[in-house]
C-alpha atoms as a PDB file:
ATOM      1  CA  MET A   1      45.226 130.544 143.783  1.00  0.00           C
ATOM      2  CA  GLU A   2      46.102 127.561 141.659  1.00  0.00           C
ATOM      3  CA  GLU A   3      48.311 128.093 138.618  1.00  0.00           C
ATOM      4  CA  LEU A   4      46.621 127.283 135.345  1.00  0.00           C
ATOM      5  CA  GLY A   5      48.004 126.054 132.035  1.00  0.00           C
ATOM      6  CA  VAL A   6      45.902 126.079 128.872  1.00  0.00           C
ATOM      7  CA  LYS A   7      46.089 122.938 126.779  1.00  0.00           C
ATOM      8  CA  LYS A   8      45.301 122.581 123.105  1.00  0.00           C
ATOM      9  CA  PRO A   9      41.566 122.358 122.437  1.00  0.00           C
ATOM     10  CA  CYS A  10      39.997 119.234 121.045  1.00  0.00           C
ATOM     11  CA  PRO A  11      40.087 119.016 117.201  1.00  0.00           C
ATOM     12  CA  ASN A  12      36.384 119.619 116.616  1.00  0.00           C
ATOM     13  CA  LEU A  13      36.630 122.946 118.451  1.00  0.00           C
ATOM     14  CA  CYS A  14      39.541 124.192 116.343  1.00  0.00           C
ATOM     15  CA  ALA A  15      37.076 124.759 113.519  1.00  0.00           C
ATOM     16  CA  VAL A  16      34.499 126.444 115.752  1.00  0.00           C
ATOM     17  CA  LEU A  17      36.625 128.988 117.599  1.00  0.00           C
ATOM     18  CA  PRO A  18      37.687 131.073 114.534  1.00  0.00           C
ATOM     19  CA  LEU A  19      34.061 131.397 113.437  1.00  0.00           C
ATOM     20  CA  LEU A  20      33.335 133.377 116.590  1.00  0.00           C
ATOM     21  CA  GLY A  21      36.430 135.538 116.540  1.00  0.00           C
ATOM     22  CA  LEU A  22      38.670 133.394 118.750  1.00  0.00           C
ATOM     23  CA  ARG A  23      42.177 132.259 117.901  1.00  0.00           C
ATOM     24  CA  THR A  24      42.967 128.669 118.770  1.00  0.00           C
ATOM     25  CA  PRO A  25      44.941 128.695 122.054  1.00  0.00           C
ATOM     26  CA  GLN A  26      48.386 127.171 121.886  1.00  0.00           C
ATOM     27  CA  THR A  27      49.968 125.143 124.654  1.00  0.00           C
ATOM     28  CA  MET A  28      51.044 127.505 127.446  1.00  0.00           C
ATOM     29  CA  THR A  29      53.130 127.107 130.550  1.00  0.00           C
ATOM     30  CA  PRO A  30      51.558 127.976 133.892  1.00  0.00           C
ATOM     31  CA  ALA A  31      51.679 131.698 134.571  1.00  0.00           C
ATOM     32  CA  GLN A  32      53.185 133.005 137.768  1.00  0.00           C
ATOM     33  CA  SER A  33      49.891 134.569 138.877  1.00  0.00           C
ATOM     34  CA  HIS A  34      46.282 133.724 139.623  1.00  0.00           C
ATOM     35  CA  THR A  35      45.085 134.403 136.045  1.00  0.00           C
ATOM     36  CA  THR A  36      45.764 133.192 132.543  1.00  0.00           C
ATOM     37  CA  SER A  37      44.669 135.278 129.546  1.00  0.00           C
ATOM     38  CA  ILE A  38      43.643 133.266 126.508  1.00  0.00           C
ATOM     39  CA  ALA A  39      44.422 134.569 123.018  1.00  0.00           C
ATOM     40  CA  GLN A  40      41.661 136.965 121.983  1.00  0.00           C
ATOM     41  CA  PRO A  41      40.922 139.470 119.219  1.00  0.00           C
ATOM     42  CA  PRO A  42      42.389 142.972 119.729  1.00  0.00           C
ATOM     43  CA  GLY A  43      40.556 145.014 122.323  1.00  0.00           C
ATOM     44  CA  LEU A  44      39.146 142.072 124.255  1.00  0.00           C
ATOM     45  CA  SER A  45      40.552 140.623 127.435  1.00  0.00           C
ATOM     46  CA  LEU A  46      38.973 137.322 128.448  1.00  0.00           C
ATOM     47  CA  THR A  47      40.589 135.828 131.503  1.00  0.00           C
ATOM     48  CA  PHE A  48      40.065 132.463 133.118  1.00  0.00           C
ATOM     49  CA  LEU A  49      40.424 132.310 136.894  1.00  0.00           C
ATOM     50  CA  ARG A  50      40.607 129.190 139.018  1.00  0.00           C
ATOM     51  CA  GLY A  51      40.856 128.815 142.769  1.00  0.00           C
ATOM     52  CA  LYS A  52      42.414 125.966 144.719  1.00  0.00           C
ATOM     53  CA  SER A  53      39.008 124.397 145.190  1.00  0.00           C
ATOM     54  CA  GLY A  54      38.634 123.983 141.425  1.00  0.00           C
ATOM     55  CA  ARG A  55      36.020 126.735 141.037  1.00  0.00           C
ATOM     56  CA  SER A  56      36.445 128.731 137.812  1.00  0.00           C
ATOM     57  CA  PHE A  57      35.251 132.153 136.727  1.00  0.00           C
ATOM     58  CA  TRP A  58      35.424 133.704 133.255  1.00  0.00           C
ATOM     59  CA  HIS A  59      36.341 137.360 133.714  1.00  0.00           C
ATOM     60  CA  SER A  60      35.441 139.305 130.574  1.00  0.00           C
ATOM     61  CA  SER A  61      36.452 142.894 131.295  1.00  0.00           C
ATOM     62  CA  GLY A  62      39.792 144.552 130.824  1.00  0.00           C
ATOM     63  CA  GLY A  63      42.092 145.162 133.753  1.00  0.00           C
ATOM     64  CA  PRO A  64      42.256 143.264 137.028  1.00  0.00           C
ATOM     65  CA  PRO A  65      39.330 141.078 138.095  1.00  0.00           C
ATOM     66  CA  PRO A  66      36.890 142.708 140.529  1.00  0.00           C
ATOM     67  CA  SER A  67      37.303 142.088 144.227  1.00  0.00           C
ATOM     68  CA  ALA A  68      33.964 140.235 144.320  1.00  0.00           C
ATOM     69  CA  THR A  69      35.307 137.740 141.794  1.00  0.00           C
ATOM     70  CA  LEU A  70      38.518 137.186 143.715  1.00  0.00           C
ATOM     71  CA  ALA A  71      36.549 136.726 146.918  1.00  0.00           C
ATOM     72  CA  LEU A  72      34.683 133.845 145.312  1.00  0.00           C
ATOM     73  CA  LEU A  73      37.903 132.134 144.255  1.00  0.00           C
ATOM     74  CA  SER A  74      40.630 132.970 146.729  1.00  0.00           C
ATOM     75  CA  SER A  75      39.706 130.718 149.649  1.00  0.00           C
ATOM     76  CA  ASP A  76      42.173 127.891 150.229  1.00  0.00           C
ATOM     77  CA  SER A  77      39.496 125.537 151.535  1.00  0.00           C
ATOM     78  CA  VAL A  78      36.008 124.646 150.369  1.00  0.00           C
ATOM     79  CA  ALA A  79      33.193 125.585 152.712  1.00  0.00           C
ATOM     80  CA  PRO A  80      31.179 122.716 154.227  1.00  0.00           C
ATOM     81  CA  GLY A  81      28.279 121.777 151.968  1.00  0.00           C
ATOM     82  CA  SER A  82      29.854 123.474 148.958  1.00  0.00           C
ATOM     83  CA  VAL A  83      28.968 122.006 145.598  1.00  0.00           C
ATOM     84  CA  VAL A  84      32.644 121.668 144.733  1.00  0.00           C
ATOM     85  CA  SER A  85      33.327 119.426 147.720  1.00  0.00           C
ATOM     86  CA  ARG A  86      30.175 117.398 147.088  1.00  0.00           C
ATOM     87  CA  THR A  87      30.881 116.704 143.421  1.00  0.00           C
ATOM     88  CA  ALA A  88      34.403 115.626 144.311  1.00  0.00           C
ATOM     89  CA  LEU A  89      32.870 112.790 146.301  1.00  0.00           C
ATOM     90  CA  PHE A  90      31.379 111.231 143.167  1.00  0.00           C
ATOM     91  CA  PRO A  91      34.331 110.538 140.817  1.00  0.00           C
ATOM     92  CA  GLY A  92      32.620 107.518 139.288  1.00  0.00           C
ATOM     93  CA  LYS A  93      29.281 109.149 138.542  1.00  0.00           C
ATOM     94  CA  MET A  94      28.063 110.071 135.074  1.00  0.00           C
ATOM     95  CA  PHE A  95      29.682 113.147 133.616  1.00  0.00           C
ATOM     96  CA  LEU A  96      26.754 115.483 134.144  1.00  0.00           C
ATOM     97  CA  VAL A  97      26.913 119.278 134.099  1.00  0.00           C
ATOM     98  CA  GLY A  98      24.232 121.117 136.070  1.00  0.00           C
ATOM     99  CA  LEU A  99      23.568 124.591 134.678  1.00  0.00           C
ATOM    100  CA  THR A 100      21.506 127.240 136.429  1.00  0.00           C
ATOM    101  CA  GLY A 101      21.134 130.991 136.734  1.00  0.00           C
ATOM    102  CA  GLY A 102      18.591 133.553 137.829  1.00  0.00           C
ATOM    103  CA  ILE A 103      15.749 135.512 136.325  1.00  0.00           C
ATOM    104  CA  ALA A 104      17.059 137.684 133.457  1.00  0.00           C
ATOM    105  CA  SER A 105      20.630 136.414 133.910  1.00  0.00           C
ATOM    106  CA  GLY A 106      20.768 135.020 130.361  1.00  0.00           C
ATOM    107  CA  LYS A 107      20.657 131.291 131.086  1.00  0.00           C
ATOM    108  CA  SER A 108      18.392 130.467 128.142  1.00  0.00           C
ATOM    109  CA  SER A 109      20.708 132.262 125.719  1.00  0.00           C
ATOM    110  CA  VAL A 110      23.725 130.393 127.105  1.00  0.00           C
ATOM    111  CA  ILE A 111      21.867 127.096 126.661  1.00  0.00           C
ATOM    112  CA  GLN A 112      21.266 127.985 123.005  1.00  0.00           C
ATOM    113  CA  VAL A 113      25.010 128.459 122.455  1.00  0.00           C
ATOM    114  CA  PHE A 114      25.771 125.075 123.989  1.00  0.00           C
ATOM    115  CA  GLN A 115      23.167 123.524 121.687  1.00  0.00           C
ATOM    116  CA  GLN A 116      24.674 125.268 118.655  1.00  0.00           C
ATOM    117  CA  LEU A 117      28.009 123.720 119.617  1.00  0.00           C
ATOM    118  CA  GLY A 118      26.367 120.296 119.448  1.00  0.00           C
ATOM    119  CA  CYS A 119      26.084 119.689 123.190  1.00  0.00           C
ATOM    120  CA  ALA A 120      23.462 117.407 124.700  1.00  0.00           C
ATOM    121  CA  VAL A 121      21.055 119.469 126.811  1.00  0.00           C
ATOM    122  CA  ILE A 122      18.209 118.228 129.005  1.00  0.00           C
ATOM    123  CA  ASP A 123      15.646 120.728 130.318  1.00  0.00           C
ATOM    124  CA  VAL A 124      14.553 119.389 133.693  1.00  0.00           C
ATOM    125  CA  ASP A 125      11.482 121.661 133.749  1.00  0.00           C
ATOM    126  CA  VAL A 126      10.292 120.145 130.456  1.00  0.00           C
ATOM    127  CA  MET A 127      10.981 116.683 131.868  1.00  0.00           C
ATOM    128  CA  ALA A 128       8.972 117.506 135.011  1.00  0.00           C
ATOM    129  CA  ARG A 129       5.976 118.421 132.852  1.00  0.00           C
ATOM    130  CA  HIS A 130       6.461 115.272 130.770  1.00  0.00           C
ATOM    131  CA  VAL A 131       6.337 112.796 133.670  1.00  0.00           C
ATOM    132  CA  VAL A 132       2.952 114.083 134.899  1.00  0.00           C
ATOM    133  CA  GLN A 133       1.192 113.606 131.579  1.00  0.00           C
ATOM    134  CA  PRO A 134      -1.835 111.265 131.463  1.00  0.00           C
ATOM    135  CA  GLY A 135      -0.821 107.618 131.388  1.00  0.00           C
ATOM    136  CA  TYR A 136       2.333 108.084 133.465  1.00  0.00           C
ATOM    137  CA  PRO A 137       2.632 106.741 137.045  1.00  0.00           C
ATOM    138  CA  ALA A 138       3.157 110.224 138.529  1.00  0.00           C
ATOM    139  CA  HIS A 139      -0.075 111.468 136.943  1.00  0.00           C
ATOM    140  CA  ARG A 140      -2.041 108.582 138.439  1.00  0.00           C
ATOM    141  CA  ARG A 141      -0.560 109.097 141.914  1.00  0.00           C
ATOM    142  CA  ILE A 142      -1.228 112.863 141.854  1.00  0.00           C
ATOM    143  CA  VAL A 143      -4.897 112.255 141.064  1.00  0.00           C
ATOM    144  CA  GLU A 144      -5.117 109.629 143.813  1.00  0.00           C
ATOM    145  CA  VAL A 145      -3.594 111.975 146.407  1.00  0.00           C
ATOM    146  CA  PHE A 146      -4.945 115.406 145.413  1.00  0.00           C
ATOM    147  CA  GLY A 147      -8.223 114.437 143.754  1.00  0.00           C
ATOM    148  CA  THR A 148      -9.745 115.011 140.337  1.00  0.00           C
ATOM    149  CA  GLU A 149     -10.092 118.757 140.985  1.00  0.00           C
ATOM    150  CA  VAL A 150      -6.461 119.148 139.871  1.00  0.00           C
ATOM    151  CA  LEU A 151      -7.346 117.946 136.363  1.00  0.00           C
ATOM    152  CA  LEU A 152      -8.217 119.951 133.269  1.00  0.00           C
ATOM    153  CA  GLU A 153     -11.029 118.843 130.980  1.00  0.00           C
ATOM    154  CA  ASN A 154      -8.562 117.007 128.718  1.00  0.00           C
ATOM    155  CA  GLY A 155      -7.095 115.052 131.662  1.00  0.00           C
ATOM    156  CA  ASP A 156      -3.877 117.048 131.999  1.00  0.00           C
ATOM    157  CA  ILE A 157      -2.739 118.323 135.377  1.00  0.00           C
ATOM    158  CA  ASN A 158      -3.917 121.852 136.080  1.00  0.00           C
ATOM    159  CA  ARG A 159      -0.598 123.276 137.271  1.00  0.00           C
ATOM    160  CA  LYS A 160      -2.154 126.453 138.652  1.00  0.00           C
ATOM    161  CA  VAL A 161      -4.718 124.587 140.772  1.00  0.00           C
ATOM    162  CA  LEU A 162      -2.087 122.139 141.989  1.00  0.00           C
ATOM    163  CA  GLY A 163       0.244 125.003 142.788  1.00  0.00           C
ATOM    164  CA  ASP A 164      -2.457 126.728 144.815  1.00  0.00           C
ATOM    165  CA  LEU A 165      -3.082 123.502 146.775  1.00  0.00           C
ATOM    166  CA  ILE A 166       0.544 123.178 147.879  1.00  0.00           C
ATOM    167  CA  PHE A 167       1.216 126.894 148.351  1.00  0.00           C
ATOM    168  CA  ASN A 168       2.391 127.540 151.926  1.00  0.00           C
ATOM    169  CA  GLN A 169       1.708 123.906 152.796  1.00  0.00           C
ATOM    170  CA  PRO A 170       5.115 122.204 153.197  1.00  0.00           C
ATOM    171  CA  ASP A 171       3.598 118.777 153.918  1.00  0.00           C
ATOM    172  CA  ARG A 172       1.622 118.733 150.680  1.00  0.00           C
ATOM    173  CA  ARG A 173       4.593 120.111 148.740  1.00  0.00           C
ATOM    174  CA  GLN A 174       6.818 117.356 150.087  1.00  0.00           C
ATOM    175  CA  LEU A 175       4.196 114.794 149.158  1.00  0.00           C
ATOM    176  CA  LEU A 176       4.081 116.100 145.588  1.00  0.00           C
ATOM    177  CA  ASN A 177       7.881 116.059 145.409  1.00  0.00           C
ATOM    178  CA  ALA A 178       7.917 112.479 146.688  1.00  0.00           C
ATOM    179  CA  ILE A 179       5.668 111.549 143.753  1.00  0.00           C
ATOM    180  CA  THR A 180       7.396 113.472 140.965  1.00  0.00           C
ATOM    181  CA  HIS A 181      11.111 113.512 141.856  1.00  0.00           C
ATOM    182  CA  PRO A 182      11.724 109.756 141.518  1.00  0.00           C
ATOM    183  CA  GLU A 183      10.039 109.789 138.089  1.00  0.00           C
ATOM    184  CA  ILE A 184      12.067 112.819 137.023  1.00  0.00           C
ATOM    185  CA  ARG A 185      15.303 111.114 138.106  1.00  0.00           C
ATOM    186  CA  LYS A 186      14.409 107.940 136.208  1.00  0.00           C
ATOM    187  CA  GLN A 187      13.596 109.895 133.067  1.00  0.00           C
ATOM    188  CA  MET A 188      16.759 111.956 133.474  1.00  0.00           C
ATOM    189  CA  MET A 189      18.917 108.845 133.703  1.00  0.00           C
ATOM    190  CA  LYS A 190      17.243 107.314 130.650  1.00  0.00           C
ATOM    191  CA  GLU A 191      17.873 110.393 128.528  1.00  0.00           C
ATOM    192  CA  THR A 192      21.414 110.788 129.849  1.00  0.00           C
ATOM    193  CA  PHE A 193      22.260 107.159 129.136  1.00  0.00           C
ATOM    194  CA  LYS A 194      21.031 107.561 125.549  1.00  0.00           C
ATOM    195  CA  TYR A 195      23.374 110.501 125.044  1.00  0.00           C
ATOM    196  CA  PHE A 196      26.360 108.635 126.484  1.00  0.00           C
ATOM    197  CA  LEU A 197      25.696 105.646 124.219  1.00  0.00           C
ATOM    198  CA  ARG A 198      25.727 108.058 121.277  1.00  0.00           C
ATOM    199  CA  GLY A 199      29.229 109.157 122.247  1.00  0.00           C
ATOM    200  CA  TYR A 200      28.670 112.443 124.089  1.00  0.00           C
ATOM    201  CA  ARG A 201      31.334 113.223 126.665  1.00  0.00           C
ATOM    202  CA  TYR A 202      28.989 115.136 128.923  1.00  0.00           C
ATOM    203  CA  VAL A 203      25.341 116.103 129.238  1.00  0.00           C
ATOM    204  CA  ILE A 204      24.080 119.502 130.403  1.00  0.00           C
ATOM    205  CA  LEU A 205      21.053 119.572 132.674  1.00  0.00           C
ATOM    206  CA  ASP A 206      19.205 122.883 132.724  1.00  0.00           C
ATOM    207  CA  ILE A 207      17.991 123.014 136.338  1.00  0.00           C
ATOM    208  CA  PRO A 208      16.507 126.361 137.482  1.00  0.00           C
ATOM    209  CA  LEU A 209      16.447 125.358 141.188  1.00  0.00           C
ATOM    210  CA  LEU A 210      19.692 123.377 141.244  1.00  0.00           C
ATOM    211  CA  PHE A 211      21.003 124.924 144.474  1.00  0.00           C
ATOM    212  CA  GLU A 212      17.633 125.633 146.072  1.00  0.00           C
ATOM    213  CA  THR A 213      16.285 122.061 146.124  1.00  0.00           C
ATOM    214  CA  LYS A 214      19.679 120.271 146.120  1.00  0.00           C
ATOM    215  CA  LYS A 215      17.888 117.099 144.952  1.00  0.00           C
ATOM    216  CA  LEU A 216      20.046 116.579 141.861  1.00  0.00           C
ATOM    217  CA  LEU A 217      23.357 118.026 143.062  1.00  0.00           C
ATOM    218  CA  LYS A 218      24.847 114.650 143.936  1.00  0.00           C
ATOM    219  CA  TYR A 219      24.589 113.570 140.299  1.00  0.00           C
ATOM    220  CA  MET A 220      26.505 116.589 138.954  1.00  0.00           C
ATOM    221  CA  LYS A 221      30.218 116.380 138.206  1.00  0.00           C
ATOM    222  CA  HIS A 222      30.334 120.069 137.263  1.00  0.00           C
ATOM    223  CA  THR A 223      28.027 122.949 138.144  1.00  0.00           C
ATOM    224  CA  VAL A 224      27.739 126.151 136.113  1.00  0.00           C
ATOM    225  CA  VAL A 225      26.039 129.426 137.020  1.00  0.00           C
ATOM    226  CA  VAL A 226      25.162 132.092 134.470  1.00  0.00           C
ATOM    227  CA  TYR A 227      25.874 135.212 136.500  1.00  0.00           C
ATOM    228  CA  CYS A 228      25.315 138.932 136.080  1.00  0.00           C
ATOM    229  CA  ASP A 229      25.555 141.752 138.584  1.00  0.00           C
ATOM    230  CA  ARG A 230      22.344 142.872 140.291  1.00  0.00           C
ATOM    231  CA  ASP A 231      22.057 146.234 138.522  1.00  0.00           C
ATOM    232  CA  THR A 232      22.320 144.542 135.131  1.00  0.00           C
ATOM    233  CA  GLN A 233      19.839 141.852 136.168  1.00  0.00           C
ATOM    234  CA  LEU A 234      17.364 144.476 137.388  1.00  0.00           C
ATOM    235  CA  ALA A 235      17.637 146.593 134.223  1.00  0.00           C
ATOM    236  CA  ARG A 236      17.208 143.572 131.946  1.00  0.00           C
ATOM    237  CA  LEU A 237      14.171 142.301 133.857  1.00  0.00           C
ATOM    238  CA  MET A 238      12.458 145.714 133.842  1.00  0.00           C
ATOM    239  CA  ARG A 239      13.065 146.055 130.116  1.00  0.00           C
ATOM    240  CA  ARG A 240      12.150 142.459 129.174  1.00  0.00           C
ATOM    241  CA  ASN A 241       8.957 142.169 131.252  1.00  0.00           C
ATOM    242  CA  SER A 242       7.942 145.847 131.200  1.00  0.00           C
ATOM    243  CA  LEU A 243       8.029 145.976 135.017  1.00  0.00           C
ATOM    244  CA  ASN A 244       8.525 148.895 137.334  1.00  0.00           C
ATOM    245  CA  ARG A 245      11.521 148.841 139.655  1.00  0.00           C
ATOM    246  CA  LYS A 246       9.549 147.694 142.707  1.00  0.00           C
ATOM    247  CA  ASP A 247       7.970 144.696 140.967  1.00  0.00           C
ATOM    248  CA  ALA A 248      11.244 143.698 139.330  1.00  0.00           C
ATOM    249  CA  GLU A 249      13.105 143.831 142.657  1.00  0.00           C
ATOM    250  CA  ALA A 250      10.383 141.698 144.263  1.00  0.00           C
ATOM    251  CA  ARG A 251      10.862 138.973 141.632  1.00  0.00           C
ATOM    252  CA  ILE A 252      14.630 139.016 142.020  1.00  0.00           C
ATOM    253  CA  ASN A 253      14.386 138.935 145.818  1.00  0.00           C
ATOM    254  CA  ALA A 254      12.134 135.873 145.615  1.00  0.00           C
ATOM    255  CA  GLN A 255      15.090 133.860 144.266  1.00  0.00           C
ATOM    256  CA  LEU A 256      18.386 132.788 145.771  1.00  0.00           C
ATOM    257  CA  PRO A 257      20.836 135.632 145.002  1.00  0.00           C
ATOM    258  CA  LEU A 258      23.151 135.028 142.058  1.00  0.00           C
ATOM    259  CA  THR A 259      26.148 135.875 144.243  1.00  0.00           C
ATOM    260  CA  ASP A 260      25.246 132.953 146.520  1.00  0.00           C
ATOM    261  CA  LYS A 261      24.864 130.611 143.556  1.00  0.00           C
ATOM    262  CA  ALA A 262      28.212 131.764 142.183  1.00  0.00           C
ATOM    263  CA  ARG A 263      29.930 130.882 145.462  1.00  0.00           C
ATOM    264  CA  MET A 264      28.535 127.351 145.300  1.00  0.00           C
ATOM    265  CA  ALA A 265      29.185 126.692 141.614  1.00  0.00           C
ATOM    266  CA  ARG A 266      32.321 125.223 140.129  1.00  0.00           C
ATOM    267  CA  HIS A 267      32.154 127.396 136.997  1.00  0.00           C
ATOM    268  CA  VAL A 268      30.741 130.913 136.677  1.00  0.00           C
ATOM    269  CA  LEU A 269      29.929 132.533 133.316  1.00  0.00           C
ATOM    270  CA  ASP A 270      29.861 136.307 133.679  1.00  0.00           C
ATOM    271  CA  ASN A 271      27.027 137.671 131.525  1.00  0.00           C
ATOM    272  CA  SER A 272      27.200 141.225 132.876  1.00  0.00           C
ATOM    273  CA  GLY A 273      28.702 142.657 129.696  1.00  0.00           C
ATOM    274  CA  GLU A 274      28.261 142.312 125.958  1.00  0.00           C
ATOM    275  CA  TRP A 275      26.650 139.148 124.630  1.00  0.00           C
ATOM    276  CA  SER A 276      29.528 138.474 122.211  1.00  0.00           C
ATOM    277  CA  VAL A 277      31.852 138.180 125.204  1.00  0.00           C
ATOM    278  CA  THR A 278      29.488 135.801 127.013  1.00  0.00           C
ATOM    279  CA  LYS A 279      29.331 133.615 123.896  1.00  0.00           C
ATOM    280  CA  ARG A 280      33.119 133.330 123.892  1.00  0.00           C
ATOM    281  CA  GLN A 281      33.071 132.308 127.548  1.00  0.00           C
ATOM    282  CA  VAL A 282      30.639 129.492 126.739  1.00  0.00           C
ATOM    283  CA  ILE A 283      32.822 128.238 123.883  1.00  0.00           C
ATOM    284  CA  LEU A 284      35.932 128.163 126.045  1.00  0.00           C
ATOM    285  CA  LEU A 285      34.129 126.366 128.865  1.00  0.00           C
ATOM    286  CA  HIS A 286      32.875 123.818 126.327  1.00  0.00           C
ATOM    287  CA  ALA A 287      36.476 123.324 125.189  1.00  0.00           C
ATOM    288  CA  GLU A 288      37.564 122.663 128.778  1.00  0.00           C
ATOM    289  CA  LEU A 289      34.768 120.152 129.354  1.00  0.00           C
ATOM    290  CA  GLU A 290      35.480 118.412 126.041  1.00  0.00           C
ATOM    291  CA  ARG A 291      39.114 117.908 127.079  1.00  0.00           C
ATOM    292  CA  SER A 292      38.036 116.286 130.332  1.00  0.00           C
ATOM    293  CA  LEU A 293      38.525 112.539 130.712  1.00  0.00           C
ATOM    294  CA  GLU A 294      35.891 112.205 133.429  1.00  0.00           C
ATOM    295  CA  TYR A 295      33.549 110.438 131.027  1.00  0.00           C
ATOM    296  CA  LEU A 296      35.899 107.451 130.613  1.00  0.00           C
ATOM    297  CA  PRO A 297      34.931 105.470 133.750  1.00  0.00           C
ATOM    298  CA  LEU A 298      31.303 105.380 132.663  1.00  0.00           C
ATOM    299  CA  ARG A 299      32.097 104.498 129.049  1.00  0.00           C
ATOM    300  CA  LEU A 300      34.494 101.741 130.070  1.00  0.00           C
ATOM    301  CA  GLY A 301      31.999 100.408 132.601  1.00  0.00           C
ATOM    302  CA  VAL A 302      29.245 100.219 129.979  1.00  0.00           C
ATOM    303  CA  LEU A 303      31.499  98.454 127.478  1.00  0.00           C
ATOM    304  CA  THR A 304      32.659  95.995 130.143  1.00  0.00           C
ATOM    305  CA  GLY A 305      29.053  95.263 131.110  1.00  0.00           C
ATOM    306  CA  LEU A 306      28.013  94.704 127.495  1.00  0.00           C
ATOM    307  CA  ALA A 307      30.987  92.402 126.926  1.00  0.00           C
ATOM    308  CA  ALA A 308      30.068  90.387 130.034  1.00  0.00           C
ATOM    309  CA  ILE A 309      26.459  90.028 128.865  1.00  0.00           C
ATOM    310  CA  ALA A 310      27.596  88.936 125.401  1.00  0.00           C
ATOM    311  CA  SER A 311      29.936  86.330 126.916  1.00  0.00           C
ATOM    312  CA  LEU A 312      27.176  85.017 129.160  1.00  0.00           C
ATOM    313  CA  LEU A 313      24.760  84.684 126.246  1.00  0.00           C
ATOM    314  CA  TYR A 314      27.416  82.875 124.224  1.00  0.00           C
ATOM    315  CA  LEU A 315      28.063  80.380 127.049  1.00  0.00           C
ATOM    316  CA  LEU A 316      24.328  79.793 127.569  1.00  0.00           C
ATOM    317  CA  THR A 317      23.893  79.184 123.858  1.00  0.00           C
ATOM    318  CA  ARG A 318      26.757  76.689 123.830  1.00  0.00           C
ATOM    319  CA  TYR A 319      25.344  74.911 126.884  1.00  0.00           C
ATOM    320  CA  LEU A 320      21.733  74.746 125.721  1.00  0.00           C
ATOM    321  CA  LEU A 321      22.539  74.038 122.079  1.00  0.00           C
ATOM    322  CA  PRO A 322      25.692  71.932 122.223  1.00  0.00           C
ATOM    323  CA  TYR A 323      25.276  70.658 118.670  1.00  0.00           C
ATOM    324  CA  ALA A 324      24.398  73.955 117.058  1.00  0.00           C
END
């Protein structure tokens, strides 16, 4: 395990942490163990773990971390195809954070906390619905390929009919993805660029199928999974959707297991316990991301490009209007 030191949080977070019961962490020296406990209110132990690969896990219970957690973090090398090794290959990319979870894991609630902290959040599902609206190129191509039977009376795409057409037909599904994914990526980059111009250090992309499709992984500098143990996930789903155990298990089994997602993610937020503890984990992860300097290459590149354009326009003006 890699030793971890906790640095002072950025100034804007110093005012936020006390509001949620957290004391501002002071500068600490690396501990001689695999964990570092951050200052917490009495009775709460919130521990941040990090493995050599850079993967982190917020452990919210008292006592030693569970063996399952240590198994996710203790490997000295990163497995081939791991998200951690892939994101390390893109040091100059935009500082994007891909966030995902599973059904009833609490991802939507975590997103709300990030938004309350003032973070920029892009819902990729909402964006996917946006790019297929009437008047957009993807809408026109879908109608050309799948016919007018996929349209509602108002001209919108009938998602159920389209879903039935591509169900169990990989060729048609790939064709639909070939139409929509480029438009989603273009829209994603537009929205992300707007946020960076407004001064945001990072942008969170809410991507339900981040690890399943792997289409957007190469753009992510950090990946976050909202995790909870299976028993907790099952109980929450049965209670939330009024399902019996069999139906709830079928829905969970239809998704990639959260344990698999946790192994591939760089950061894991443990939402197995009380919500107040999960909220603190989100705040501390936000503090870590805010302290990161990974946004600087992009910001400097944009400023350099704008300066070059301004210089070029000035020279053209001087050349074309020498007496101005």
